[in-house]
Amino acid sequence: MRLLGGRWRLLIVSYLVDGPRRYSDLRRCIPAISQRMLTLDLRTLEEAGLIERTVYPTVPVTVQYELTADGARLIPVVEVMRTFGLWLKERERG
């Protein structure tokens, strides 16, 4: 829980389940997160070995994030949380 207990970390992982994403793509997917928090959470997840950061030597530099094999083990957790969130949303409507 200490690793994924942050407000945004599980959400970041959920966007990486579908495949690699650039930093700017993650910013667009999560507009409420600040640049600082996104950077800090990405670093934390990278240090934990859950995501991998790849830097491409382009101008400007392209940075891409993707789940590692250990990070892919979180996919069932993401799916359960997604299902639970959809259930809560339906419950609030009805």
PDB file of N, CA and C in Angstrom:
ATOM      1  N   MET A   1       0.827  -1.203   0.000  1.00  0.00           N
ATOM      2  CA  MET A   1       0.000   0.000   0.000  1.00  0.00           C
ATOM      3  C   MET A   1       0.863   1.256   0.000  1.00  0.00           C
ATOM      4  N   ARG A   2       2.027   1.175   0.627  1.00  0.00           N
ATOM      5  CA  ARG A   2       2.908   2.339   0.657  1.00  0.00           C
ATOM      6  C   ARG A   2       3.318   2.736  -0.758  1.00  0.00           C
ATOM      7  N   LEU A   3       3.509   1.745  -1.608  1.00  0.00           N
ATOM      8  CA  LEU A   3       3.940   2.016  -2.972  1.00  0.00           C
ATOM      9  C   LEU A   3       2.823   2.571  -3.838  1.00  0.00           C
ATOM     10  N   LEU A   4       1.615   2.020  -3.705  1.00  0.00           N
ATOM     11  CA  LEU A   4       0.490   2.454  -4.546  1.00  0.00           C
ATOM     12  C   LEU A   4      -0.484   3.358  -3.806  1.00  0.00           C
ATOM     13  N   GLY A   5      -0.171   3.687  -2.561  1.00  0.00           N
ATOM     14  CA  GLY A   5      -1.084   4.469  -1.742  1.00  0.00           C
ATOM     15  C   GLY A   5      -1.223   5.927  -2.147  1.00  0.00           C
ATOM     16  N   GLY A   6      -0.358   6.396  -3.017  1.00  0.00           N
ATOM     17  CA  GLY A   6      -0.467   7.772  -3.476  1.00  0.00           C
ATOM     18  C   GLY A   6      -1.765   7.991  -4.241  1.00  0.00           C
ATOM     19  N   ARG A   7      -2.172   9.217  -4.332  1.00  0.00           N
ATOM     20  CA  ARG A   7      -3.438   9.545  -4.982  1.00  0.00           C
ATOM     21  C   ARG A   7      -3.454   9.164  -6.462  1.00  0.00           C
ATOM     22  N   TRP A   8      -2.311   9.260  -7.125  1.00  0.00           N
ATOM     23  CA  TRP A   8      -2.280   9.118  -8.573  1.00  0.00           C
ATOM     24  C   TRP A   8      -1.608   7.853  -9.089  1.00  0.00           C
ATOM     25  N   ARG A   9      -0.865   7.164  -8.277  1.00  0.00           N
ATOM     26  CA  ARG A   9      -0.006   6.077  -8.765  1.00  0.00           C
ATOM     27  C   ARG A   9      -0.765   4.948  -9.446  1.00  0.00           C
ATOM     28  N   LEU A  10      -1.830   4.486  -8.835  1.00  0.00           N
ATOM     29  CA  LEU A  10      -2.589   3.399  -9.458  1.00  0.00           C
ATOM     30  C   LEU A  10      -3.238   3.873 -10.756  1.00  0.00           C
ATOM     31  N   LEU A  11      -3.640   5.125 -10.793  1.00  0.00           N
ATOM     32  CA  LEU A  11      -4.214   5.684 -12.019  1.00  0.00           C
ATOM     33  C   LEU A  11      -3.156   5.755 -13.130  1.00  0.00           C
ATOM     34  N   ILE A  12      -1.948   6.150 -12.781  1.00  0.00           N
ATOM     35  CA  ILE A  12      -0.859   6.176 -13.762  1.00  0.00           C
ATOM     36  C   ILE A  12      -0.628   4.777 -14.310  1.00  0.00           C
ATOM     37  N   VAL A  13      -0.551   3.806 -13.411  1.00  0.00           N
ATOM     38  CA  VAL A  13      -0.354   2.413 -13.834  1.00  0.00           C
ATOM     39  C   VAL A  13      -1.489   1.975 -14.753  1.00  0.00           C
ATOM     40  N   SER A  14      -2.712   2.381 -14.434  1.00  0.00           N
ATOM     41  CA  SER A  14      -3.860   1.962 -15.250  1.00  0.00           C
ATOM     42  C   SER A  14      -3.764   2.487 -16.682  1.00  0.00           C
ATOM     43  N   TYR A  15      -3.195   3.658 -16.861  1.00  0.00           N
ATOM     44  CA  TYR A  15      -3.024   4.191 -18.216  1.00  0.00           C
ATOM     45  C   TYR A  15      -1.884   3.493 -18.956  1.00  0.00           C
ATOM     46  N   LEU A  16      -0.957   2.914 -18.223  1.00  0.00           N
ATOM     47  CA  LEU A  16       0.156   2.204 -18.852  1.00  0.00           C
ATOM     48  C   LEU A  16      -0.184   0.742 -19.166  1.00  0.00           C
ATOM     49  N   VAL A  17      -1.318   0.265 -18.666  1.00  0.00           N
ATOM     50  CA  VAL A  17      -1.750  -1.113 -18.950  1.00  0.00           C
ATOM     51  C   VAL A  17      -1.957  -1.303 -20.446  1.00  0.00           C
ATOM     52  N   ASP A  18      -2.455  -0.295 -21.119  1.00  0.00           N
ATOM     53  CA  ASP A  18      -2.749  -0.392 -22.554  1.00  0.00           C
ATOM     54  C   ASP A  18      -1.502  -0.290 -23.430  1.00  0.00           C
ATOM     55  N   GLY A  19      -0.362  -0.001 -22.838  1.00  0.00           N
ATOM     56  CA  GLY A  19       0.869   0.096 -23.605  1.00  0.00           C
ATOM     57  C   GLY A  19       1.661   1.327 -23.214  1.00  0.00           C
ATOM     58  N   PRO A  20       2.846   1.479 -23.808  1.00  0.00           N
ATOM     59  CA  PRO A  20       3.716   2.606 -23.469  1.00  0.00           C
ATOM     60  C   PRO A  20       3.059   3.954 -23.777  1.00  0.00           C
ATOM     61  N   ARG A  21       3.387   4.934 -22.952  1.00  0.00           N
ATOM     62  CA  ARG A  21       2.876   6.297 -23.153  1.00  0.00           C
ATOM     63  C   ARG A  21       3.981   7.301 -22.888  1.00  0.00           C
ATOM     64  N   ARG A  22       3.894   8.402 -23.609  1.00  0.00           N
ATOM     65  CA  ARG A  22       4.817   9.509 -23.388  1.00  0.00           C
ATOM     66  C   ARG A  22       4.333  10.333 -22.200  1.00  0.00           C
ATOM     67  N   TYR A  23       5.247  11.108 -21.640  1.00  0.00           N
ATOM     68  CA  TYR A  23       4.928  11.962 -20.504  1.00  0.00           C
ATOM     69  C   TYR A  23       3.742  12.875 -20.826  1.00  0.00           C
ATOM     70  N   SER A  24       3.778  13.485 -22.002  1.00  0.00           N
ATOM     71  CA  SER A  24       2.708  14.415 -22.379  1.00  0.00           C
ATOM     72  C   SER A  24       1.364  13.699 -22.518  1.00  0.00           C
ATOM     73  N   ASP A  25       1.372  12.442 -22.944  1.00  0.00           N
ATOM     74  CA  ASP A  25       0.123  11.670 -23.027  1.00  0.00           C
ATOM     75  C   ASP A  25      -0.463  11.456 -21.636  1.00  0.00           C
ATOM     76  N   LEU A  26       0.403  11.143 -20.683  1.00  0.00           N
ATOM     77  CA  LEU A  26      -0.066  10.944 -19.309  1.00  0.00           C
ATOM     78  C   LEU A  26      -0.628  12.246 -18.735  1.00  0.00           C
ATOM     79  N   ARG A  27       0.001  13.367 -19.064  1.00  0.00           N
ATOM     80  CA  ARG A  27      -0.514  14.667 -18.593  1.00  0.00           C
ATOM     81  C   ARG A  27      -1.911  14.931 -19.146  1.00  0.00           C
ATOM     82  N   ARG A  28      -2.123  14.569 -20.414  1.00  0.00           N
ATOM     83  CA  ARG A  28      -3.445  14.768 -21.022  1.00  0.00           C
ATOM     84  C   ARG A  28      -4.483  13.821 -20.420  1.00  0.00           C
ATOM     85  N   CYS A  29      -4.077  12.616 -20.102  1.00  0.00           N
ATOM     86  CA  CYS A  29      -4.998  11.624 -19.529  1.00  0.00           C
ATOM     87  C   CYS A  29      -5.422  12.002 -18.115  1.00  0.00           C
ATOM     88  N   ILE A  30      -4.539  12.669 -17.388  1.00  0.00           N
ATOM     89  CA  ILE A  30      -4.796  13.024 -15.984  1.00  0.00           C
ATOM     90  C   ILE A  30      -4.629  14.531 -15.826  1.00  0.00           C
ATOM     91  N   PRO A  31      -5.575  15.314 -16.320  1.00  0.00           N
ATOM     92  CA  PRO A  31      -5.395  16.778 -16.307  1.00  0.00           C
ATOM     93  C   PRO A  31      -5.341  17.388 -14.908  1.00  0.00           C
ATOM     94  N   ALA A  32      -5.874  16.710 -13.898  1.00  0.00           N
ATOM     95  CA  ALA A  32      -5.901  17.281 -12.550  1.00  0.00           C
ATOM     96  C   ALA A  32      -4.564  17.146 -11.819  1.00  0.00           C
ATOM     97  N   ILE A  33      -3.650  16.337 -12.345  1.00  0.00           N
ATOM     98  CA  ILE A  33      -2.361  16.148 -11.672  1.00  0.00           C
ATOM     99  C   ILE A  33      -1.388  17.249 -12.094  1.00  0.00           C
ATOM    100  N   SER A  34      -0.598  17.706 -11.132  1.00  0.00           N
ATOM    101  CA  SER A  34       0.404  18.723 -11.456  1.00  0.00           C
ATOM    102  C   SER A  34       1.615  18.048 -12.094  1.00  0.00           C
ATOM    103  N   GLN A  35       2.406  18.821 -12.819  1.00  0.00           N
ATOM    104  CA  GLN A  35       3.618  18.275 -13.435  1.00  0.00           C
ATOM    105  C   GLN A  35       4.552  17.713 -12.380  1.00  0.00           C
ATOM    106  N   ARG A  36       4.665  18.408 -11.272  1.00  0.00           N
ATOM    107  CA  ARG A  36       5.553  17.976 -10.190  1.00  0.00           C
ATOM    108  C   ARG A  36       5.110  16.627  -9.637  1.00  0.00           C
ATOM    109  N   MET A  37       3.815  16.464  -9.357  1.00  0.00           N
ATOM    110  CA  MET A  37       3.319  15.202  -8.801  1.00  0.00           C
ATOM    111  C   MET A  37       3.480  14.072  -9.794  1.00  0.00           C
ATOM    112  N   LEU A  38       3.202  14.326 -11.064  1.00  0.00           N
ATOM    113  CA  LEU A  38       3.359  13.285 -12.077  1.00  0.00           C
ATOM    114  C   LEU A  38       4.814  12.840 -12.136  1.00  0.00           C
ATOM    115  N   THR A  39       5.729  13.788 -12.136  1.00  0.00           N
ATOM    116  CA  THR A  39       7.151  13.463 -12.181  1.00  0.00           C
ATOM    117  C   THR A  39       7.572  12.667 -10.946  1.00  0.00           C
ATOM    118  N   LEU A  40       7.147  13.111  -9.772  1.00  0.00           N
ATOM    119  CA  LEU A  40       7.504  12.406  -8.532  1.00  0.00           C
ATOM    120  C   LEU A  40       6.942  10.984  -8.511  1.00  0.00           C
ATOM    121  N   ASP A  41       5.685  10.833  -8.907  1.00  0.00           N
ATOM    122  CA  ASP A  41       5.067   9.502  -8.899  1.00  0.00           C
ATOM    123  C   ASP A  41       5.694   8.588  -9.942  1.00  0.00           C
ATOM    124  N   LEU A  42       6.020   9.121 -11.108  1.00  0.00           N
ATOM    125  CA  LEU A  42       6.699   8.315 -12.124  1.00  0.00           C
ATOM    126  C   LEU A  42       8.069   7.857 -11.623  1.00  0.00           C
ATOM    127  N   ARG A  43       8.796   8.738 -10.965  1.00  0.00           N
ATOM    128  CA  ARG A  43      10.104   8.368 -10.408  1.00  0.00           C
ATOM    129  C   ARG A  43       9.969   7.283  -9.346  1.00  0.00           C
ATOM    130  N   THR A  44       8.971   7.428  -8.484  1.00  0.00           N
ATOM    131  CA  THR A  44       8.749   6.433  -7.430  1.00  0.00           C
ATOM    132  C   THR A  44       8.432   5.073  -8.026  1.00  0.00           C
ATOM    133  N   LEU A  45       7.545   5.045  -9.016  1.00  0.00           N
ATOM    134  CA  LEU A  45       7.188   3.786  -9.667  1.00  0.00           C
ATOM    135  C   LEU A  45       8.385   3.194 -10.413  1.00  0.00           C
ATOM    136  N   GLU A  46       9.214   4.049 -10.986  1.00  0.00           N
ATOM    137  CA  GLU A  46      10.410   3.580 -11.688  1.00  0.00           C
ATOM    138  C   GLU A  46      11.421   2.998 -10.700  1.00  0.00           C
ATOM    139  N   GLU A  47      11.642   3.686  -9.585  1.00  0.00           N
ATOM    140  CA  GLU A  47      12.569   3.196  -8.565  1.00  0.00           C
ATOM    141  C   GLU A  47      12.119   1.866  -7.972  1.00  0.00           C
ATOM    142  N   ALA A  48      10.800   1.656  -7.923  1.00  0.00           N
ATOM    143  CA  ALA A  48      10.251   0.404  -7.404  1.00  0.00           C
ATOM    144  C   ALA A  48      10.327  -0.716  -8.434  1.00  0.00           C
ATOM    145  N   GLY A  49      10.698  -0.374  -9.663  1.00  0.00           N
ATOM    146  CA  GLY A  49      10.814  -1.389 -10.709  1.00  0.00           C
ATOM    147  C   GLY A  49       9.506  -1.757 -11.367  1.00  0.00           C
ATOM    148  N   LEU A  50       8.485  -0.908 -11.200  1.00  0.00           N
ATOM    149  CA  LEU A  50       7.170  -1.204 -11.778  1.00  0.00           C
ATOM    150  C   LEU A  50       6.999  -0.620 -13.174  1.00  0.00           C
ATOM    151  N   ILE A  51       7.706   0.460 -13.450  1.00  0.00           N
ATOM    152  CA  ILE A  51       7.662   1.043 -14.795  1.00  0.00           C
ATOM    153  C   ILE A  51       9.090   1.273 -15.273  1.00  0.00           C
ATOM    154  N   GLU A  52       9.225   1.361 -16.582  1.00  0.00           N
ATOM    155  CA  GLU A  52      10.523   1.612 -17.193  1.00  0.00           C
ATOM    156  C   GLU A  52      10.438   2.908 -17.987  1.00  0.00           C
ATOM    157  N   ARG A  53      11.461   3.710 -17.854  1.00  0.00           N
ATOM    158  CA  ARG A  53      11.552   4.995 -18.558  1.00  0.00           C
ATOM    159  C   ARG A  53      12.573   4.846 -19.672  1.00  0.00           C
ATOM    160  N   THR A  54      12.151   5.148 -20.892  1.00  0.00           N
ATOM    161  CA  THR A  54      13.045   5.071 -22.045  1.00  0.00           C
ATOM    162  C   THR A  54      13.172   6.455 -22.651  1.00  0.00           C
ATOM    163  N   VAL A  55      14.420   6.891 -22.838  1.00  0.00           N
ATOM    164  CA  VAL A  55      14.695   8.199 -23.424  1.00  0.00           C
ATOM    165  C   VAL A  55      15.218   7.973 -24.838  1.00  0.00           C
ATOM    166  N   TYR A  56      14.556   8.608 -25.813  1.00  0.00           N
ATOM    167  CA  TYR A  56      14.963   8.502 -27.210  1.00  0.00           C
ATOM    168  C   TYR A  56      15.721   9.764 -27.614  1.00  0.00           C
ATOM    169  N   PRO A  57      16.857   9.601 -28.298  1.00  0.00           N
ATOM    170  CA  PRO A  57      17.687  10.755 -28.670  1.00  0.00           C
ATOM    171  C   PRO A  57      17.125  11.516 -29.873  1.00  0.00           C
ATOM    172  N   THR A  58      16.018  12.177 -29.656  1.00  0.00           N
ATOM    173  CA  THR A  58      15.408  12.994 -30.699  1.00  0.00           C
ATOM    174  C   THR A  58      15.466  14.450 -30.262  1.00  0.00           C
ATOM    175  N   VAL A  59      15.108  15.341 -31.150  1.00  0.00           N
ATOM    176  CA  VAL A  59      15.038  16.768 -30.804  1.00  0.00           C
ATOM    177  C   VAL A  59      13.611  17.215 -31.008  1.00  0.00           C
ATOM    178  N   PRO A  60      12.876  17.578 -29.965  1.00  0.00           N
ATOM    179  CA  PRO A  60      13.249  17.473 -28.551  1.00  0.00           C
ATOM    180  C   PRO A  60      13.271  16.012 -28.095  1.00  0.00           C
ATOM    181  N   VAL A  61      13.863  15.785 -26.942  1.00  0.00           N
ATOM    182  CA  VAL A  61      13.997  14.437 -26.395  1.00  0.00           C
ATOM    183  C   VAL A  61      12.611  13.838 -26.157  1.00  0.00           C
ATOM    184  N   THR A  62      12.446  12.588 -26.545  1.00  0.00           N
ATOM    185  CA  THR A  62      11.199  11.867 -26.325  1.00  0.00           C
ATOM    186  C   THR A  62      11.399  10.902 -25.168  1.00  0.00           C
ATOM    187  N   VAL A  63      10.505  10.948 -24.187  1.00  0.00           N
ATOM    188  CA  VAL A  63      10.565  10.046 -23.041  1.00  0.00           C
ATOM    189  C   VAL A  63       9.289   9.226 -23.033  1.00  0.00           C
ATOM    190  N   GLN A  64       9.449   7.931 -22.884  1.00  0.00           N
ATOM    191  CA  GLN A  64       8.309   7.016 -22.910  1.00  0.00           C
ATOM    192  C   GLN A  64       8.342   6.138 -21.666  1.00  0.00           C
ATOM    193  N   TYR A  65       7.170   5.863 -21.108  1.00  0.00           N
ATOM    194  CA  TYR A  65       7.042   5.029 -19.918  1.00  0.00           C
ATOM    195  C   TYR A  65       6.218   3.796 -20.258  1.00  0.00           C
ATOM    196  N   GLU A  66       6.618   2.655 -19.681  1.00  0.00           N
ATOM    197  CA  GLU A  66       5.847   1.432 -19.868  1.00  0.00           C
ATOM    198  C   GLU A  66       6.006   0.545 -18.647  1.00  0.00           C
ATOM    199  N   LEU A  67       5.067  -0.373 -18.487  1.00  0.00           N
ATOM    200  CA  LEU A  67       5.125  -1.297 -17.369  1.00  0.00           C
ATOM    201  C   LEU A  67       6.255  -2.306 -17.574  1.00  0.00           C
ATOM    202  N   THR A  68       6.913  -2.654 -16.487  1.00  0.00           N
ATOM    203  CA  THR A  68       7.897  -3.735 -16.520  1.00  0.00           C
ATOM    204  C   THR A  68       7.136  -5.044 -16.273  1.00  0.00           C
ATOM    205  N   ALA A  69       7.861  -6.148 -16.257  1.00  0.00           N
ATOM    206  CA  ALA A  69       7.226  -7.441 -15.953  1.00  0.00           C
ATOM    207  C   ALA A  69       6.631  -7.415 -14.550  1.00  0.00           C
ATOM    208  N   ASP A  70       7.338  -6.798 -13.597  1.00  0.00           N
ATOM    209  CA  ASP A  70       6.790  -6.677 -12.240  1.00  0.00           C
ATOM    210  C   ASP A  70       5.566  -5.761 -12.231  1.00  0.00           C
ATOM    211  N   GLY A  71       5.616  -4.705 -13.011  1.00  0.00           N
ATOM    212  CA  GLY A  71       4.484  -3.784 -13.097  1.00  0.00           C
ATOM    213  C   GLY A  71       3.253  -4.441 -13.698  1.00  0.00           C
ATOM    214  N   ALA A  72       3.469  -5.359 -14.630  1.00  0.00           N
ATOM    215  CA  ALA A  72       2.348  -6.070 -15.261  1.00  0.00           C
ATOM    216  C   ALA A  72       1.594  -6.926 -14.249  1.00  0.00           C
ATOM    217  N   ARG A  73       2.246  -7.258 -13.153  1.00  0.00           N
ATOM    218  CA  ARG A  73       1.561  -8.028 -12.102  1.00  0.00           C
ATOM    219  C   ARG A  73       0.466  -7.198 -11.423  1.00  0.00           C
ATOM    220  N   LEU A  74       0.467  -5.897 -11.641  1.00  0.00           N
ATOM    221  CA  LEU A  74      -0.566  -5.022 -11.074  1.00  0.00           C
ATOM    222  C   LEU A  74      -1.831  -4.983 -11.922  1.00  0.00           C
ATOM    223  N   ILE A  75      -1.791  -5.553 -13.109  1.00  0.00           N
ATOM    224  CA  ILE A  75      -2.952  -5.496 -14.003  1.00  0.00           C
ATOM    225  C   ILE A  75      -4.218  -6.047 -13.343  1.00  0.00           C
ATOM    226  N   PRO A  76      -4.180  -7.192 -12.651  1.00  0.00           N
ATOM    227  CA  PRO A  76      -5.403  -7.651 -11.976  1.00  0.00           C
ATOM    228  C   PRO A  76      -5.924  -6.661 -10.937  1.00  0.00           C
ATOM    229  N   VAL A  77      -5.017  -5.992 -10.234  1.00  0.00           N
ATOM    230  CA  VAL A  77      -5.423  -4.986  -9.242  1.00  0.00           C
ATOM    231  C   VAL A  77      -6.119  -3.825  -9.940  1.00  0.00           C
ATOM    232  N   VAL A  78      -5.549  -3.383 -11.052  1.00  0.00           N
ATOM    233  CA  VAL A  78      -6.142  -2.285 -11.823  1.00  0.00           C
ATOM    234  C   VAL A  78      -7.531  -2.672 -12.312  1.00  0.00           C
ATOM    235  N   GLU A  79      -7.674  -3.885 -12.799  1.00  0.00           N
ATOM    236  CA  GLU A  79      -8.980  -4.345 -13.298  1.00  0.00           C
ATOM    237  C   GLU A  79     -10.014  -4.394 -12.188  1.00  0.00           C
ATOM    238  N   VAL A  80      -9.634  -4.885 -11.021  1.00  0.00           N
ATOM    239  CA  VAL A  80     -10.567  -4.939  -9.886  1.00  0.00           C
ATOM    240  C   VAL A  80     -10.984  -3.530  -9.477  1.00  0.00           C
ATOM    241  N   MET A  81     -10.025  -2.610  -9.416  1.00  0.00           N
ATOM    242  CA  MET A  81     -10.350  -1.228  -9.045  1.00  0.00           C
ATOM    243  C   MET A  81     -11.236  -0.563 -10.094  1.00  0.00           C
ATOM    244  N   ARG A  82     -10.995  -0.860 -11.361  1.00  0.00           N
ATOM    245  CA  ARG A  82     -11.809  -0.309 -12.442  1.00  0.00           C
ATOM    246  C   ARG A  82     -13.249  -0.818 -12.326  1.00  0.00           C
ATOM    247  N   THR A  83     -13.395  -2.115 -12.099  1.00  0.00           N
ATOM    248  CA  THR A  83     -14.718  -2.712 -11.934  1.00  0.00           C
ATOM    249  C   THR A  83     -15.433  -2.118 -10.733  1.00  0.00           C
ATOM    250  N   PHE A  84     -14.721  -1.963  -9.630  1.00  0.00           N
ATOM    251  CA  PHE A  84     -15.302  -1.383  -8.428  1.00  0.00           C
ATOM    252  C   PHE A  84     -15.733   0.060  -8.663  1.00  0.00           C
ATOM    253  N   GLY A  85     -14.901   0.831  -9.366  1.00  0.00           N
ATOM    254  CA  GLY A  85     -15.237   2.222  -9.669  1.00  0.00           C
ATOM    255  C   GLY A  85     -16.486   2.335 -10.536  1.00  0.00           C
ATOM    256  N   LEU A  86     -16.600   1.464 -11.529  1.00  0.00           N
ATOM    257  CA  LEU A  86     -17.796   1.467 -12.386  1.00  0.00           C
ATOM    258  C   LEU A  86     -19.032   1.076 -11.591  1.00  0.00           C
ATOM    259  N   TRP A  87     -18.882   0.122 -10.686  1.00  0.00           N
ATOM    260  CA  TRP A  87     -19.998  -0.280  -9.822  1.00  0.00           C
ATOM    261  C   TRP A  87     -20.438   0.889  -8.941  1.00  0.00           C
ATOM    262  N   LEU A  88     -19.482   1.615  -8.359  1.00  0.00           N
ATOM    263  CA  LEU A  88     -19.830   2.766  -7.533  1.00  0.00           C
ATOM    264  C   LEU A  88     -20.555   3.833  -8.339  1.00  0.00           C
ATOM    265  N   LYS A  89     -20.082   4.072  -9.549  1.00  0.00           N
ATOM    266  CA  LYS A  89     -20.703   5.074 -10.407  1.00  0.00           C
ATOM    267  C   LYS A  89     -22.153   4.712 -10.721  1.00  0.00           C
ATOM    268  N   GLU A  90     -22.393   3.460 -11.036  1.00  0.00           N
ATOM    269  CA  GLU A  90     -23.768   2.986 -11.297  1.00  0.00           C
ATOM    270  C   GLU A  90     -24.622   3.099 -10.054  1.00  0.00           C
ATOM    271  N   ARG A  91     -24.078   2.770  -8.913  1.00  0.00           N
ATOM    272  CA  ARG A  91     -24.826   2.832  -7.648  1.00  0.00           C
ATOM    273  C   ARG A  91     -25.266   4.253  -7.327  1.00  0.00           C
ATOM    274  N   GLU A  92     -24.394   5.221  -7.629  1.00  0.00           N
ATOM    275  CA  GLU A  92     -24.725   6.620  -7.376  1.00  0.00           C
ATOM    276  C   GLU A  92     -25.842   7.117  -8.286  1.00  0.00           C
ATOM    277  N   ARG A  93     -25.885   6.579  -9.511  1.00  0.00           N
ATOM    278  CA  ARG A  93     -26.936   6.981 -10.448  1.00  0.00           C
ATOM    279  C   ARG A  93     -28.299   6.429 -10.041  1.00  0.00           C
ATOM    280  N   GLY A  94     -28.276   5.193  -9.590  1.00  0.00           N
ATOM    281  CA  GLY A  94     -29.529   4.483  -9.315  1.00  0.00           C
ATOM    282  C   GLY A  94     -29.978   4.643  -7.944  1.00  0.00           C
TER     283      GLY A  94
END
